[in-house]
Amino acid sequence: MRLAEVNIISSTLDPEFSRNSGAIVDEALKSGTNHFHGNGFEFYRDTFMNNGGYFSTQRPPFHQNVFGATLGGPVLKDRAFFFIAYQGLRSRTAQTTNTPVFSDDQRNGDFFRRWRLVE
């Protein structure tokens, strides 16, 4: 592993460093290997741990998968290396919706009765 780049930021901070009031020292390491390496991952979330809306009598279905993999290795021995990564998201959700319906007067065509004075 070798030190490839050093970046020192002392004023006019970039938004990526948020509200830091001091200096930023950013170091990037460069490394490679003559062996293939990688990993895979998956995160699954289900309806079981979700809560419905306040007025909902049941929980809407919710299924979410976040998955991915990385792979790295040599292109030319001791000279060039590659690294690729992938991340995917599959989300299947439903929402509880309260739908307003017409009153009896509105169903009969009178949309202004609630603003009239009843004698």
C-alpha atoms as a PDB file:
ATOM      1  CA  MET A   1       0.000   0.000   0.000  1.00  0.00           C
ATOM      2  CA  ARG A   2       1.319   3.410  -0.962  1.00  0.00           C
ATOM      3  CA  LEU A   3       0.202   6.938  -0.293  1.00  0.00           C
ATOM      4  CA  ALA A   4      -1.145   8.166  -3.627  1.00  0.00           C
ATOM      5  CA  GLU A   5      -2.580  11.591  -2.826  1.00  0.00           C
ATOM      6  CA  VAL A   6      -2.717  14.114   0.024  1.00  0.00           C
ATOM      7  CA  ASN A   7      -5.214  16.971  -0.047  1.00  0.00           C
ATOM      8  CA  ILE A   8      -5.195  19.657   2.682  1.00  0.00           C
ATOM      9  CA  ILE A   9      -8.155  22.055   2.850  1.00  0.00           C
ATOM     10  CA  SER A  10      -7.835  24.938   5.309  1.00  0.00           C
ATOM     11  CA  SER A  11     -10.548  27.408   4.245  1.00  0.00           C
ATOM     12  CA  THR A  12     -13.694  27.713   2.117  1.00  0.00           C
ATOM     13  CA  LEU A  13     -14.747  24.192   2.886  1.00  0.00           C
ATOM     14  CA  ASP A  14     -16.585  22.096   0.356  1.00  0.00           C
ATOM     15  CA  PRO A  15     -20.147  20.977   1.210  1.00  0.00           C
ATOM     16  CA  GLU A  16     -18.980  17.349   1.403  1.00  0.00           C
ATOM     17  CA  PHE A  17     -17.219  18.107   4.719  1.00  0.00           C
ATOM     18  CA  SER A  18     -20.372  19.528   6.356  1.00  0.00           C
ATOM     19  CA  ARG A  19     -19.857  22.013   9.207  1.00  0.00           C
ATOM     20  CA  ASN A  20     -16.287  21.249  10.147  1.00  0.00           C
ATOM     21  CA  SER A  21     -14.568  24.358  11.483  1.00  0.00           C
ATOM     22  CA  GLY A  22     -10.956  23.142  11.267  1.00  0.00           C
ATOM     23  CA  ALA A  23      -8.678  22.016   8.494  1.00  0.00           C
ATOM     24  CA  ILE A  24      -9.300  18.822   6.528  1.00  0.00           C
ATOM     25  CA  VAL A  25      -6.476  16.412   5.677  1.00  0.00           C
ATOM     26  CA  ASP A  26      -7.615  13.903   3.060  1.00  0.00           C
ATOM     27  CA  GLU A  27      -5.273  11.020   2.219  1.00  0.00           C
ATOM     28  CA  ALA A  28      -5.891   8.456  -0.517  1.00  0.00           C
ATOM     29  CA  LEU A  29      -4.099   5.125  -0.495  1.00  0.00           C
ATOM     30  CA  LYS A  30      -3.182   3.258  -3.628  1.00  0.00           C
ATOM     31  CA  SER A  31      -2.931  -0.473  -3.538  1.00  0.00           C
ATOM     32  CA  GLY A  32      -3.453  -3.496  -5.692  1.00  0.00           C
ATOM     33  CA  THR A  33      -2.941  -7.202  -5.519  1.00  0.00           C
ATOM     34  CA  ASN A  34      -2.076 -10.012  -7.872  1.00  0.00           C
ATOM     35  CA  HIS A  35      -4.985 -12.074  -6.492  1.00  0.00           C
ATOM     36  CA  PHE A  36      -8.673 -11.765  -7.262  1.00  0.00           C
ATOM     37  CA  HIS A  37     -10.784 -10.678  -4.328  1.00  0.00           C
ATOM     38  CA  GLY A  38     -14.333  -9.506  -3.730  1.00  0.00           C
ATOM     39  CA  ASN A  39     -17.431  -9.820  -1.623  1.00  0.00           C
ATOM     40  CA  GLY A  40     -21.202  -9.829  -1.835  1.00  0.00           C
ATOM     41  CA  PHE A  41     -23.913  -8.539   0.468  1.00  0.00           C
ATOM     42  CA  GLU A  42     -27.665  -8.382   0.887  1.00  0.00           C
ATOM     43  CA  PHE A  43     -29.893  -6.483   3.306  1.00  0.00           C
ATOM     44  CA  TYR A  44     -33.537  -7.553   3.524  1.00  0.00           C
ATOM     45  CA  ARG A  45     -36.281  -5.652   5.314  1.00  0.00           C
ATOM     46  CA  ASP A  46     -39.816  -6.947   5.740  1.00  0.00           C
ATOM     47  CA  THR A  47     -43.296  -5.905   6.866  1.00  0.00           C
ATOM     48  CA  PHE A  48     -42.703  -7.506  10.269  1.00  0.00           C
ATOM     49  CA  MET A  49     -40.709  -4.550  11.658  1.00  0.00           C
ATOM     50  CA  ASN A  50     -42.771  -1.802   9.966  1.00  0.00           C
ATOM     51  CA  ASN A  51     -45.621   0.155  11.467  1.00  0.00           C
ATOM     52  CA  GLY A  52     -48.663   1.314   9.505  1.00  0.00           C
ATOM     53  CA  GLY A  53     -50.148   4.794   9.454  1.00  0.00           C
ATOM     54  CA  TYR A  54     -51.862   6.254  12.517  1.00  0.00           C
ATOM     55  CA  PHE A  55     -55.387   5.536  11.246  1.00  0.00           C
ATOM     56  CA  SER A  56     -54.492   2.239   9.601  1.00  0.00           C
ATOM     57  CA  THR A  57     -56.002  -0.953  11.008  1.00  0.00           C
ATOM     58  CA  GLN A  58     -53.358  -3.123   9.380  1.00  0.00           C
ATOM     59  CA  ARG A  59     -49.780  -2.809   8.197  1.00  0.00           C
ATOM     60  CA  PRO A  60     -49.292  -2.312   4.456  1.00  0.00           C
ATOM     61  CA  PRO A  61     -46.930  -4.856   2.859  1.00  0.00           C
ATOM     62  CA  PHE A  62     -43.311  -3.748   2.673  1.00  0.00           C
ATOM     63  CA  HIS A  63     -40.390  -5.704   1.196  1.00  0.00           C
ATOM     64  CA  GLN A  64     -37.000  -4.175   0.475  1.00  0.00           C
ATOM     65  CA  ASN A  65     -33.791  -5.783  -0.775  1.00  0.00           C
ATOM     66  CA  VAL A  66     -30.481  -3.931  -1.015  1.00  0.00           C
ATOM     67  CA  PHE A  67     -27.806  -6.129  -2.558  1.00  0.00           C
ATOM     68  CA  GLY A  68     -24.476  -5.874  -4.305  1.00  0.00           C
ATOM     69  CA  ALA A  69     -20.999  -7.193  -4.902  1.00  0.00           C
ATOM     70  CA  THR A  70     -17.421  -6.053  -5.465  1.00  0.00           C
ATOM     71  CA  LEU A  71     -14.594  -7.647  -7.416  1.00  0.00           C
ATOM     72  CA  GLY A  72     -10.966  -6.622  -7.809  1.00  0.00           C
ATOM     73  CA  GLY A  73      -7.816  -8.144  -9.200  1.00  0.00           C
ATOM     74  CA  PRO A  74      -4.907  -7.853 -11.610  1.00  0.00           C
ATOM     75  CA  VAL A  75      -5.055  -6.844 -15.280  1.00  0.00           C
ATOM     76  CA  LEU A  76      -1.266  -6.948 -15.712  1.00  0.00           C
ATOM     77  CA  LYS A  77       0.790  -8.510 -12.921  1.00  0.00           C
ATOM     78  CA  ASP A  78       2.322  -5.817 -10.638  1.00  0.00           C
ATOM     79  CA  ARG A  79       1.280  -3.070 -13.110  1.00  0.00           C
ATOM     80  CA  ALA A  80      -2.450  -2.574 -13.576  1.00  0.00           C
ATOM     81  CA  PHE A  81      -5.398  -3.529 -11.428  1.00  0.00           C
ATOM     82  CA  PHE A  82      -9.152  -3.253 -11.702  1.00  0.00           C
ATOM     83  CA  PHE A  83     -11.977  -2.859  -9.211  1.00  0.00           C
ATOM     84  CA  ILE A  84     -15.709  -2.936  -9.928  1.00  0.00           C
ATOM     85  CA  ALA A  85     -18.709  -2.634  -7.633  1.00  0.00           C
ATOM     86  CA  TYR A  86     -22.475  -2.940  -8.026  1.00  0.00           C
ATOM     87  CA  GLN A  87     -25.368  -2.121  -5.698  1.00  0.00           C
ATOM     88  CA  GLY A  88     -29.033  -2.764  -6.448  1.00  0.00           C
ATOM     89  CA  LEU A  89     -32.286  -1.860  -4.712  1.00  0.00           C
ATOM     90  CA  ARG A  90     -35.641  -3.616  -5.024  1.00  0.00           C
ATOM     91  CA  SER A  91     -38.462  -2.056  -3.018  1.00  0.00           C
ATOM     92  CA  ARG A  92     -42.059  -3.240  -2.986  1.00  0.00           C
ATOM     93  CA  THR A  93     -44.289  -1.073  -0.808  1.00  0.00           C
ATOM     94  CA  ALA A  94     -47.921  -0.128  -0.358  1.00  0.00           C
ATOM     95  CA  GLN A  95     -49.415   2.922   1.310  1.00  0.00           C
ATOM     96  CA  THR A  96     -52.525   3.414   3.384  1.00  0.00           C
ATOM     97  CA  THR A  97     -54.718   6.091   1.818  1.00  0.00           C
ATOM     98  CA  ASN A  98     -57.838   7.753   3.232  1.00  0.00           C
ATOM     99  CA  THR A  99     -60.180   8.546   0.343  1.00  0.00           C
ATOM    100  CA  PRO A 100     -62.886  11.181   0.894  1.00  0.00           C
ATOM    101  CA  VAL A 101     -66.358  10.287  -0.403  1.00  0.00           C
ATOM    102  CA  PHE A 102     -69.353  12.464  -1.333  1.00  0.00           C
ATOM    103  CA  SER A 103     -72.052  13.222   1.226  1.00  0.00           C
ATOM    104  CA  ASP A 104     -75.710  12.405   0.468  1.00  0.00           C
ATOM    105  CA  ASP A 105     -76.340  15.994  -0.686  1.00  0.00           C
ATOM    106  CA  GLN A 106     -73.332  15.911  -3.005  1.00  0.00           C
ATOM    107  CA  ARG A 107     -74.456  12.589  -4.486  1.00  0.00           C
ATOM    108  CA  ASN A 108     -77.792  14.248  -5.273  1.00  0.00           C
ATOM    109  CA  GLY A 109     -76.015  17.087  -7.097  1.00  0.00           C
ATOM    110  CA  ASP A 110     -76.111  19.787  -4.402  1.00  0.00           C
ATOM    111  CA  PHE A 111     -72.477  20.738  -3.801  1.00  0.00           C
ATOM    112  CA  PHE A 112     -73.257  23.994  -1.948  1.00  0.00           C
ATOM    113  CA  ARG A 113     -75.714  22.909   0.799  1.00  0.00           C
ATOM    114  CA  ARG A 114     -73.167  23.039   3.587  1.00  0.00           C
ATOM    115  CA  TRP A 115     -72.570  26.769   2.983  1.00  0.00           C
ATOM    116  CA  ARG A 116     -76.277  27.737   2.877  1.00  0.00           C
ATOM    117  CA  LEU A 117     -78.252  28.752   5.918  1.00  0.00           C
ATOM    118  CA  VAL A 118     -80.894  26.171   6.686  1.00  0.00           C
ATOM    119  CA  GLU A 119     -84.225  27.783   7.653  1.00  0.00           C
END
